[in-house]
Amino acid sequence: MIRRRRANGRRTAARAAVGATVLLLGACTAGHGGRVAGEERYPYWQEGAGAAEAAAFMKLRMPAGADEVKGAVRVQPQERVYLLSFLTDEKTARSVADDLRPDHPLEAQGLSSSLSGDGFEHLGLTPPQEVEGARSTSACPPCAGDGRRAHVQAVEMHVVDGAAGRVRVYLAAY
């Protein structure tokens, strides 16, 4: 009789273990195909966020006389990418670059943009990587001790010559 009770107890424990395993496996994979719940919605463009939000994030005062100011915020799973673009004169563009405390001077493009992706197309602009003669620089504010931008991990800046002595400035930051 004691042997029967032990055997029944073992069967019950085995059934419970199998049932728990099935439930756990089902909960981990059901309907997600290995993806994290909600992941399929990324990236997306933050509604209502534009140039003002991008400039505020970068702690950048919009230059006086800047035209065709455009901006957007792309929300990604682990960060937001802030995009800002405007037309200004060459001297002002260089001043903006200097204020970022860049890693290297504004020079002929050797930097491929890792931040902007399709973002500037979203703003209706040709991406700077596709424009011949684009100049670029980048900055790591925390690395440069830029306390104003300690919350910004990286900034990329591209400058493209335009008409009538104007240049288009492209900024991307996260």
N, C-alpha and C. Protein backbone atom coordinates (compact mmCIF):
# COMPACT_ATOMS: atom_id res chain seq x y z
N MET A 1 0.82 -1.19 0.00
CA MET A 1 0.00 0.00 0.00
C MET A 1 0.87 1.27 0.00
N ILE A 2 1.94 1.21 0.75
CA ILE A 2 2.83 2.37 0.79
C ILE A 2 3.47 2.57 -0.58
N ARG A 3 3.80 1.43 -1.26
CA ARG A 3 4.40 1.54 -2.59
C ARG A 3 3.43 2.20 -3.57
N ARG A 4 2.14 1.88 -3.48
CA ARG A 4 1.14 2.48 -4.38
C ARG A 4 1.05 3.98 -4.16
N ARG A 5 1.06 4.40 -2.90
CA ARG A 5 0.98 5.83 -2.60
C ARG A 5 2.19 6.58 -3.17
N ARG A 6 3.38 5.99 -3.00
CA ARG A 6 4.59 6.61 -3.54
C ARG A 6 4.52 6.70 -5.06
N ALA A 7 4.09 5.63 -5.71
CA ALA A 7 3.99 5.61 -7.17
C ALA A 7 2.99 6.67 -7.63
N ASN A 8 1.83 6.76 -6.96
CA ASN A 8 0.83 7.77 -7.32
C ASN A 8 1.38 9.18 -7.10
N GLY A 9 2.14 9.37 -6.02
CA GLY A 9 2.73 10.67 -5.73
C GLY A 9 3.75 11.06 -6.80
N ARG A 10 4.54 10.09 -7.23
CA ARG A 10 5.53 10.36 -8.28
C ARG A 10 4.84 10.71 -9.60
N ARG A 11 3.76 9.97 -9.94
CA ARG A 11 3.03 10.26 -11.18
C ARG A 11 2.42 11.66 -11.13
N THR A 12 1.87 12.02 -10.02
CA THR A 12 1.27 13.35 -9.87
C THR A 12 2.32 14.43 -10.00
N ALA A 13 3.49 14.23 -9.36
CA ALA A 13 4.57 15.21 -9.45
C ALA A 13 5.09 15.31 -10.88
N ALA A 14 5.21 14.17 -11.58
CA ALA A 14 5.67 14.17 -12.96
C ALA A 14 4.69 14.89 -13.86
N ARG A 15 3.40 14.63 -13.67
CA ARG A 15 2.36 15.31 -14.46
C ARG A 15 2.40 16.82 -14.22
N ALA A 16 2.58 17.22 -12.97
CA ALA A 16 2.65 18.65 -12.64
C ALA A 16 3.86 19.30 -13.30
N ALA A 17 5.01 18.60 -13.28
CA ALA A 17 6.21 19.14 -13.89
C ALA A 17 6.03 19.30 -15.40
N VAL A 18 5.45 18.29 -16.05
CA VAL A 18 5.20 18.36 -17.50
C VAL A 18 4.24 19.50 -17.80
N GLY A 19 3.18 19.60 -17.02
CA GLY A 19 2.20 20.68 -17.22
C GLY A 19 2.83 22.06 -17.06
N ALA A 20 3.66 22.23 -16.05
CA ALA A 20 4.32 23.52 -15.83
C ALA A 20 5.26 23.85 -16.98
N THR A 21 5.99 22.85 -17.46
CA THR A 21 6.90 23.07 -18.59
C THR A 21 6.14 23.50 -19.82
N VAL A 22 5.04 22.84 -20.12
CA VAL A 22 4.22 23.20 -21.29
C VAL A 22 3.71 24.63 -21.15
N LEU A 23 3.23 24.98 -19.97
CA LEU A 23 2.73 26.34 -19.75
C LEU A 23 3.83 27.38 -19.92
N LEU A 24 5.01 27.10 -19.36
CA LEU A 24 6.13 28.04 -19.48
C LEU A 24 6.57 28.20 -20.93
N LEU A 25 6.70 27.10 -21.65
CA LEU A 25 7.12 27.19 -23.05
C LEU A 25 6.08 27.94 -23.88
N GLY A 26 4.83 27.68 -23.62
CA GLY A 26 3.76 28.37 -24.35
C GLY A 26 3.76 29.86 -24.06
N ALA A 27 3.99 30.23 -22.82
CA ALA A 27 3.99 31.64 -22.44
C ALA A 27 5.16 32.38 -23.06
N CYS A 28 6.29 31.70 -23.23
CA CYS A 28 7.47 32.37 -23.78
C CYS A 28 7.39 32.57 -25.28
N THR A 29 6.67 31.71 -25.98
CA THR A 29 6.70 31.78 -27.43
C THR A 29 5.37 32.12 -28.08
N ALA A 30 4.30 32.01 -27.39
CA ALA A 30 2.99 32.16 -28.01
C ALA A 30 2.82 33.51 -28.70
N GLY A 31 2.60 33.46 -30.00
CA GLY A 31 2.23 34.64 -30.76
C GLY A 31 3.33 35.66 -31.02
N HIS A 32 4.53 35.46 -30.53
CA HIS A 32 5.57 36.47 -30.71
C HIS A 32 6.68 36.03 -31.65
N GLY A 33 6.74 34.76 -31.99
CA GLY A 33 7.79 34.30 -32.89
C GLY A 33 9.18 34.68 -32.41
N GLY A 34 9.38 34.71 -31.09
CA GLY A 34 10.68 35.05 -30.54
C GLY A 34 10.89 36.53 -30.32
N ARG A 35 9.94 37.37 -30.67
CA ARG A 35 10.08 38.82 -30.51
C ARG A 35 9.50 39.26 -29.18
N VAL A 36 9.99 40.34 -28.68
CA VAL A 36 9.50 40.91 -27.44
C VAL A 36 8.17 41.61 -27.72
N ALA A 37 7.23 41.48 -26.83
CA ALA A 37 5.94 42.12 -27.02
C ALA A 37 6.10 43.61 -27.23
N GLY A 38 5.47 44.16 -28.25
CA GLY A 38 5.52 45.59 -28.54
C GLY A 38 6.67 46.00 -29.43
N GLU A 39 7.64 45.09 -29.66
CA GLU A 39 8.81 45.42 -30.46
C GLU A 39 8.45 45.78 -31.90
N GLU A 40 7.39 45.19 -32.42
CA GLU A 40 7.03 45.40 -33.81
C GLU A 40 6.63 46.83 -34.13
N ARG A 41 6.42 47.66 -33.14
CA ARG A 41 6.01 49.04 -33.40
C ARG A 41 7.19 49.99 -33.58
N TYR A 42 8.41 49.53 -33.38
CA TYR A 42 9.59 50.38 -33.51
C TYR A 42 10.25 50.21 -34.86
N PRO A 43 10.95 51.18 -35.37
CA PRO A 43 10.95 52.56 -34.92
C PRO A 43 9.70 53.29 -35.41
N TYR A 44 9.41 54.41 -34.80
CA TYR A 44 8.31 55.24 -35.26
C TYR A 44 8.66 56.70 -35.01
N TRP A 45 7.95 57.59 -35.69
CA TRP A 45 8.19 59.03 -35.56
C TRP A 45 7.28 59.57 -34.48
N GLN A 46 7.85 60.27 -33.51
CA GLN A 46 7.07 60.83 -32.41
C GLN A 46 6.16 61.92 -32.96
N GLU A 47 4.88 61.72 -32.80
CA GLU A 47 3.90 62.66 -33.31
C GLU A 47 4.01 64.01 -32.60
N GLY A 48 4.01 65.07 -33.37
CA GLY A 48 4.05 66.41 -32.81
C GLY A 48 5.43 66.90 -32.43
N ALA A 49 6.44 66.05 -32.52
CA ALA A 49 7.81 66.46 -32.16
C ALA A 49 8.52 66.93 -33.43
N GLY A 50 9.18 68.07 -33.33
CA GLY A 50 9.85 68.61 -34.51
C GLY A 50 11.14 69.32 -34.15
N ALA A 51 11.38 70.41 -34.86
CA ALA A 51 12.63 71.15 -34.71
C ALA A 51 12.83 71.68 -33.30
N ALA A 52 11.79 72.17 -32.67
CA ALA A 52 11.93 72.72 -31.32
C ALA A 52 12.40 71.65 -30.33
N GLU A 53 11.84 70.46 -30.43
CA GLU A 53 12.23 69.37 -29.52
C GLU A 53 13.66 68.91 -29.80
N ALA A 54 14.02 68.83 -31.09
CA ALA A 54 15.37 68.41 -31.44
C ALA A 54 16.40 69.44 -30.96
N ALA A 55 16.12 70.71 -31.19
CA ALA A 55 17.05 71.77 -30.76
C ALA A 55 17.17 71.79 -29.24
N ALA A 56 16.07 71.59 -28.53
CA ALA A 56 16.10 71.57 -27.07
C ALA A 56 16.94 70.40 -26.56
N PHE A 57 16.78 69.23 -27.16
CA PHE A 57 17.55 68.06 -26.75
C PHE A 57 19.05 68.31 -26.94
N MET A 58 19.40 68.92 -28.07
CA MET A 58 20.81 69.18 -28.39
C MET A 58 21.36 70.42 -27.68
N LYS A 59 20.50 71.10 -26.94
CA LYS A 59 20.88 72.36 -26.27
C LYS A 59 21.49 73.31 -27.31
N LEU A 60 20.78 73.46 -28.41
CA LEU A 60 21.23 74.29 -29.52
C LEU A 60 20.24 75.43 -29.72
N ARG A 61 20.74 76.64 -29.69
CA ARG A 61 19.89 77.80 -29.96
C ARG A 61 19.84 77.98 -31.47
N MET A 62 18.63 78.00 -32.00
CA MET A 62 18.48 78.13 -33.44
C MET A 62 19.11 79.45 -33.89
N PRO A 63 20.01 79.40 -34.88
CA PRO A 63 20.68 80.62 -35.33
C PRO A 63 19.69 81.65 -35.90
N ALA A 64 19.96 82.91 -35.62
CA ALA A 64 19.14 83.98 -36.19
C ALA A 64 19.25 83.91 -37.70
N GLY A 65 18.16 84.06 -38.38
CA GLY A 65 18.15 84.04 -39.83
C GLY A 65 18.12 82.65 -40.44
N ALA A 66 18.02 81.61 -39.63
CA ALA A 66 17.93 80.25 -40.18
C ALA A 66 16.61 80.10 -40.92
N ASP A 67 16.67 79.47 -42.07
CA ASP A 67 15.48 79.23 -42.90
C ASP A 67 15.25 77.73 -43.05
N GLU A 68 14.06 77.42 -43.54
CA GLU A 68 13.69 76.04 -43.83
C GLU A 68 14.08 75.10 -42.69
N VAL A 69 13.69 75.47 -41.50
CA VAL A 69 14.00 74.69 -40.30
C VAL A 69 13.07 73.47 -40.25
N LYS A 70 13.66 72.30 -40.10
CA LYS A 70 12.90 71.05 -40.05
C LYS A 70 13.48 70.17 -38.95
N GLY A 71 12.62 69.40 -38.33
CA GLY A 71 13.09 68.49 -37.30
C GLY A 71 12.12 67.36 -37.06
N ALA A 72 12.59 66.32 -36.41
CA ALA A 72 11.76 65.16 -36.09
C ALA A 72 12.45 64.36 -34.99
N VAL A 73 11.68 63.49 -34.36
CA VAL A 73 12.21 62.60 -33.33
C VAL A 73 11.78 61.19 -33.70
N ARG A 74 12.78 60.31 -33.91
CA ARG A 74 12.50 58.91 -34.20
C ARG A 74 12.68 58.10 -32.92
N VAL A 75 11.64 57.41 -32.52
CA VAL A 75 11.67 56.59 -31.32
C VAL A 75 12.07 55.17 -31.72
N GLN A 76 13.14 54.70 -31.09
CA GLN A 76 13.65 53.36 -31.34
C GLN A 76 13.56 52.57 -30.04
N PRO A 77 13.77 51.26 -30.08
CA PRO A 77 13.60 50.46 -28.86
C PRO A 77 14.41 50.94 -27.67
N GLN A 78 15.64 51.44 -27.87
CA GLN A 78 16.46 51.79 -26.72
C GLN A 78 16.82 53.27 -26.64
N GLU A 79 16.45 54.07 -27.64
CA GLU A 79 16.77 55.49 -27.59
C GLU A 79 15.90 56.26 -28.57
N ARG A 80 16.03 57.55 -28.50
CA ARG A 80 15.38 58.44 -29.46
C ARG A 80 16.48 59.14 -30.24
N VAL A 81 16.25 59.29 -31.54
CA VAL A 81 17.19 60.00 -32.40
C VAL A 81 16.53 61.32 -32.78
N TYR A 82 17.21 62.42 -32.49
CA TYR A 82 16.69 63.77 -32.74
C TYR A 82 17.35 64.31 -34.01
N LEU A 83 16.53 64.71 -34.98
CA LEU A 83 17.02 65.24 -36.24
C LEU A 83 16.65 66.70 -36.38
N LEU A 84 17.58 67.49 -36.89
CA LEU A 84 17.36 68.91 -37.07
C LEU A 84 18.10 69.35 -38.33
N SER A 85 17.47 70.17 -39.13
CA SER A 85 18.11 70.69 -40.33
C SER A 85 17.63 72.12 -40.57
N PHE A 86 18.53 72.93 -41.13
CA PHE A 86 18.17 74.32 -41.45
C PHE A 86 19.18 74.89 -42.44
N LEU A 87 18.78 75.98 -43.08
CA LEU A 87 19.65 76.73 -43.97
C LEU A 87 20.21 77.93 -43.21
N THR A 88 21.49 78.19 -43.40
CA THR A 88 22.14 79.34 -42.76
C THR A 88 23.36 79.72 -43.60
N ASP A 89 24.15 80.66 -43.13
CA ASP A 89 25.39 81.02 -43.83
C ASP A 89 26.54 80.16 -43.31
N GLU A 90 27.63 80.14 -44.07
CA GLU A 90 28.80 79.31 -43.74
C GLU A 90 29.38 79.64 -42.37
N LYS A 91 29.51 80.92 -42.07
CA LYS A 91 30.10 81.33 -40.79
C LYS A 91 29.28 80.80 -39.62
N THR A 92 27.96 80.88 -39.72
CA THR A 92 27.10 80.39 -38.65
C THR A 92 27.20 78.87 -38.53
N ALA A 93 27.25 78.17 -39.65
CA ALA A 93 27.39 76.72 -39.62
C ALA A 93 28.67 76.31 -38.91
N ARG A 94 29.76 77.01 -39.19
CA ARG A 94 31.03 76.70 -38.52
C ARG A 94 30.95 77.00 -37.02
N SER A 95 30.23 78.06 -36.67
CA SER A 95 30.05 78.40 -35.26
C SER A 95 29.26 77.31 -34.53
N VAL A 96 28.22 76.79 -35.19
CA VAL A 96 27.45 75.69 -34.60
C VAL A 96 28.35 74.47 -34.41
N ALA A 97 29.15 74.17 -35.42
CA ALA A 97 30.07 73.02 -35.32
C ALA A 97 31.05 73.21 -34.16
N ASP A 98 31.64 74.39 -34.05
CA ASP A 98 32.59 74.65 -32.96
C ASP A 98 31.94 74.52 -31.59
N ASP A 99 30.69 74.96 -31.49
CA ASP A 99 29.96 74.89 -30.22
C ASP A 99 29.72 73.45 -29.77
N LEU A 100 29.69 72.54 -30.71
CA LEU A 100 29.47 71.12 -30.38
C LEU A 100 30.72 70.47 -29.78
N ARG A 101 31.86 71.15 -29.85
CA ARG A 101 33.14 70.60 -29.40
C ARG A 101 33.41 69.27 -30.10
N PRO A 102 33.54 69.33 -31.43
CA PRO A 102 33.64 68.10 -32.22
C PRO A 102 34.95 67.34 -32.03
N ASP A 103 34.90 66.07 -32.42
CA ASP A 103 36.06 65.18 -32.36
C ASP A 103 37.12 65.58 -33.39
N HIS A 104 36.67 66.16 -34.50
CA HIS A 104 37.56 66.57 -35.59
C HIS A 104 36.91 67.74 -36.31
N PRO A 105 37.69 68.51 -37.07
CA PRO A 105 37.13 69.68 -37.76
C PRO A 105 36.09 69.28 -38.81
N LEU A 106 35.26 70.22 -39.15
CA LEU A 106 34.28 70.05 -40.22
C LEU A 106 35.07 69.87 -41.51
N GLU A 107 34.97 68.69 -42.12
CA GLU A 107 35.79 68.41 -43.30
C GLU A 107 35.03 67.56 -44.30
N ALA A 108 35.65 67.40 -45.48
CA ALA A 108 35.03 66.59 -46.53
C ALA A 108 34.57 65.27 -45.94
N GLN A 109 33.42 64.87 -46.38
CA GLN A 109 32.75 63.72 -45.77
C GLN A 109 33.58 62.46 -45.81
N GLY A 110 33.86 61.95 -44.66
CA GLY A 110 34.49 60.65 -44.51
C GLY A 110 33.64 59.85 -43.55
N LEU A 111 32.72 60.54 -42.93
CA LEU A 111 31.84 59.94 -41.93
C LEU A 111 30.54 59.53 -42.58
N SER A 112 30.20 58.26 -42.49
CA SER A 112 28.89 57.84 -42.95
C SER A 112 27.97 57.95 -41.75
N SER A 113 26.80 58.45 -41.97
CA SER A 113 25.90 58.71 -40.85
C SER A 113 25.36 57.43 -40.26
N SER A 114 25.63 57.22 -39.01
CA SER A 114 25.09 56.05 -38.32
C SER A 114 23.81 56.41 -37.60
N LEU A 115 23.55 57.69 -37.43
CA LEU A 115 22.38 58.10 -36.66
C LEU A 115 21.16 58.43 -37.51
N SER A 116 21.36 59.09 -38.62
CA SER A 116 20.21 59.64 -39.34
C SER A 116 19.43 58.62 -40.14
N GLY A 117 20.07 57.59 -40.65
CA GLY A 117 19.36 56.58 -41.43
C GLY A 117 18.48 57.23 -42.48
N ASP A 118 17.21 56.87 -42.49
CA ASP A 118 16.26 57.44 -43.45
C ASP A 118 15.62 58.72 -42.92
N GLY A 119 16.10 59.22 -41.82
CA GLY A 119 15.45 60.35 -41.16
C GLY A 119 15.33 61.60 -41.97
N PHE A 120 16.39 61.98 -42.66
CA PHE A 120 16.31 63.22 -43.42
C PHE A 120 15.39 63.08 -44.62
N GLU A 121 15.26 61.88 -45.15
CA GLU A 121 14.26 61.65 -46.19
C GLU A 121 12.86 61.86 -45.61
N HIS A 122 12.66 61.45 -44.37
CA HIS A 122 11.38 61.66 -43.68
C HIS A 122 11.05 63.15 -43.63
N LEU A 123 12.08 63.99 -43.56
CA LEU A 123 11.88 65.43 -43.52
C LEU A 123 11.78 66.05 -44.91
N GLY A 124 11.82 65.20 -45.94
CA GLY A 124 11.73 65.70 -47.30
C GLY A 124 13.05 66.22 -47.84
N LEU A 125 14.16 65.81 -47.25
CA LEU A 125 15.49 66.27 -47.65
C LEU A 125 16.31 65.12 -48.21
N THR A 126 17.21 65.44 -49.11
CA THR A 126 18.17 64.45 -49.59
C THR A 126 19.15 64.19 -48.45
N PRO A 127 19.38 62.93 -48.09
CA PRO A 127 20.34 62.64 -47.02
C PRO A 127 21.72 63.20 -47.37
N PRO A 128 22.43 63.75 -46.41
CA PRO A 128 23.73 64.36 -46.70
C PRO A 128 24.75 63.38 -47.26
N GLN A 129 24.63 62.11 -46.93
CA GLN A 129 25.56 61.11 -47.44
C GLN A 129 25.45 60.96 -48.95
N GLU A 130 24.33 61.40 -49.51
CA GLU A 130 24.09 61.27 -50.95
C GLU A 130 24.45 62.55 -51.71
N VAL A 131 24.93 63.57 -51.01
CA VAL A 131 25.26 64.84 -51.65
C VAL A 131 26.78 64.97 -51.78
N GLU A 132 27.22 65.15 -53.02
CA GLU A 132 28.66 65.29 -53.27
C GLU A 132 29.18 66.56 -52.59
N GLY A 133 30.33 66.44 -51.97
CA GLY A 133 30.96 67.58 -51.33
C GLY A 133 30.48 67.88 -49.92
N ALA A 134 29.65 67.03 -49.39
CA ALA A 134 29.17 67.24 -48.01
C ALA A 134 30.36 67.18 -47.06
N ARG A 135 30.32 68.03 -46.05
CA ARG A 135 31.34 68.03 -45.00
C ARG A 135 30.70 67.54 -43.72
N SER A 136 31.47 66.92 -42.87
CA SER A 136 30.87 66.37 -41.65
C SER A 136 31.84 66.42 -40.48
N THR A 137 31.26 66.29 -39.32
CA THR A 137 32.00 66.15 -38.08
C THR A 137 31.10 65.43 -37.09
N SER A 138 31.65 65.05 -35.97
CA SER A 138 30.86 64.40 -34.93
C SER A 138 31.39 64.82 -33.57
N ALA A 139 30.56 64.62 -32.57
CA ALA A 139 30.94 64.99 -31.22
C ALA A 139 30.38 63.98 -30.23
N CYS A 140 31.13 63.79 -29.18
CA CYS A 140 30.70 62.99 -28.03
C CYS A 140 30.71 63.95 -26.85
N PRO A 141 29.58 64.60 -26.56
CA PRO A 141 29.58 65.61 -25.49
C PRO A 141 30.11 65.12 -24.15
N PRO A 142 29.73 63.92 -23.67
CA PRO A 142 30.30 63.49 -22.38
C PRO A 142 31.81 63.31 -22.46
N CYS A 143 32.33 62.84 -23.61
CA CYS A 143 33.77 62.63 -23.77
C CYS A 143 34.52 63.96 -23.75
N ALA A 144 33.89 65.01 -24.30
CA ALA A 144 34.54 66.32 -24.38
C ALA A 144 34.30 67.16 -23.12
N GLY A 145 33.60 66.60 -22.15
CA GLY A 145 33.32 67.34 -20.92
C GLY A 145 32.31 68.46 -21.11
N ASP A 146 31.45 68.32 -22.11
CA ASP A 146 30.42 69.33 -22.40
C ASP A 146 29.24 69.12 -21.46
N GLY A 147 29.28 69.76 -20.30
CA GLY A 147 28.24 69.60 -19.30
C GLY A 147 26.87 70.02 -19.76
N ARG A 148 26.81 70.94 -20.73
CA ARG A 148 25.51 71.38 -21.26
C ARG A 148 24.80 70.23 -21.95
N ARG A 149 25.56 69.32 -22.50
CA ARG A 149 25.00 68.23 -23.29
C ARG A 149 25.38 66.86 -22.71
N ALA A 150 25.54 66.77 -21.42
CA ALA A 150 25.97 65.51 -20.80
C ALA A 150 24.98 64.37 -21.06
N HIS A 151 23.71 64.70 -21.33
CA HIS A 151 22.68 63.69 -21.59
C HIS A 151 22.69 63.21 -23.04
N VAL A 152 23.48 63.85 -23.90
CA VAL A 152 23.56 63.50 -25.32
C VAL A 152 24.76 62.58 -25.51
N GLN A 153 24.53 61.40 -26.07
CA GLN A 153 25.64 60.45 -26.25
C GLN A 153 26.49 60.78 -27.48
N ALA A 154 25.85 61.24 -28.54
CA ALA A 154 26.59 61.55 -29.77
C ALA A 154 25.80 62.53 -30.62
N VAL A 155 26.54 63.35 -31.37
CA VAL A 155 25.95 64.28 -32.33
C VAL A 155 26.74 64.15 -33.62
N GLU A 156 26.03 64.04 -34.73
CA GLU A 156 26.65 64.09 -36.05
C GLU A 156 26.18 65.36 -36.72
N MET A 157 27.09 66.02 -37.43
CA MET A 157 26.74 67.23 -38.16
C MET A 157 27.27 67.10 -39.57
N HIS A 158 26.42 67.42 -40.53
CA HIS A 158 26.78 67.44 -41.94
C HIS A 158 26.43 68.82 -42.47
N VAL A 159 27.25 69.35 -43.37
CA VAL A 159 27.00 70.64 -43.99
C VAL A 159 27.13 70.47 -45.50
N VAL A 160 26.13 70.96 -46.22
CA VAL A 160 26.08 70.86 -47.67
C VAL A 160 25.93 72.26 -48.24
N ASP A 161 26.78 72.60 -49.21
CA ASP A 161 26.69 73.92 -49.86
C ASP A 161 25.38 74.04 -50.63
N GLY A 162 24.79 75.24 -50.54
CA GLY A 162 23.55 75.51 -51.25
C GLY A 162 23.71 76.72 -52.15
N ALA A 163 22.61 77.30 -52.54
CA ALA A 163 22.60 78.46 -53.43
C ALA A 163 22.74 79.74 -52.63
N ALA A 164 23.23 80.76 -53.29
CA ALA A 164 23.31 82.12 -52.75
C ALA A 164 24.08 82.19 -51.43
N GLY A 165 25.18 81.44 -51.33
CA GLY A 165 26.02 81.51 -50.14
C GLY A 165 25.43 80.87 -48.90
N ARG A 166 24.37 80.13 -49.05
CA ARG A 166 23.74 79.44 -47.91
C ARG A 166 24.22 77.99 -47.88
N VAL A 167 24.17 77.39 -46.72
CA VAL A 167 24.50 75.98 -46.54
C VAL A 167 23.36 75.32 -45.78
N ARG A 168 23.17 74.04 -46.05
CA ARG A 168 22.19 73.27 -45.28
C ARG A 168 22.95 72.51 -44.21
N VAL A 169 22.51 72.70 -42.98
CA VAL A 169 23.08 72.02 -41.81
C VAL A 169 22.15 70.87 -41.46
N TYR A 170 22.73 69.69 -41.27
CA TYR A 170 22.01 68.49 -40.84
C TYR A 170 22.60 68.09 -39.49
N LEU A 171 21.77 67.91 -38.50
CA LEU A 171 22.23 67.45 -37.19
C LEU A 171 21.41 66.22 -36.78
N ALA A 172 22.08 65.22 -36.24
CA ALA A 172 21.41 64.04 -35.71
C ALA A 172 22.06 63.73 -34.37
N ALA A 173 21.25 63.48 -33.35
CA ALA A 173 21.79 63.21 -32.01
C ALA A 173 20.94 62.18 -31.29
N TYR A 174 21.58 61.50 -30.37
CA TYR A 174 20.83 60.62 -29.45
C TYR A 174 21.48 60.68 -28.09
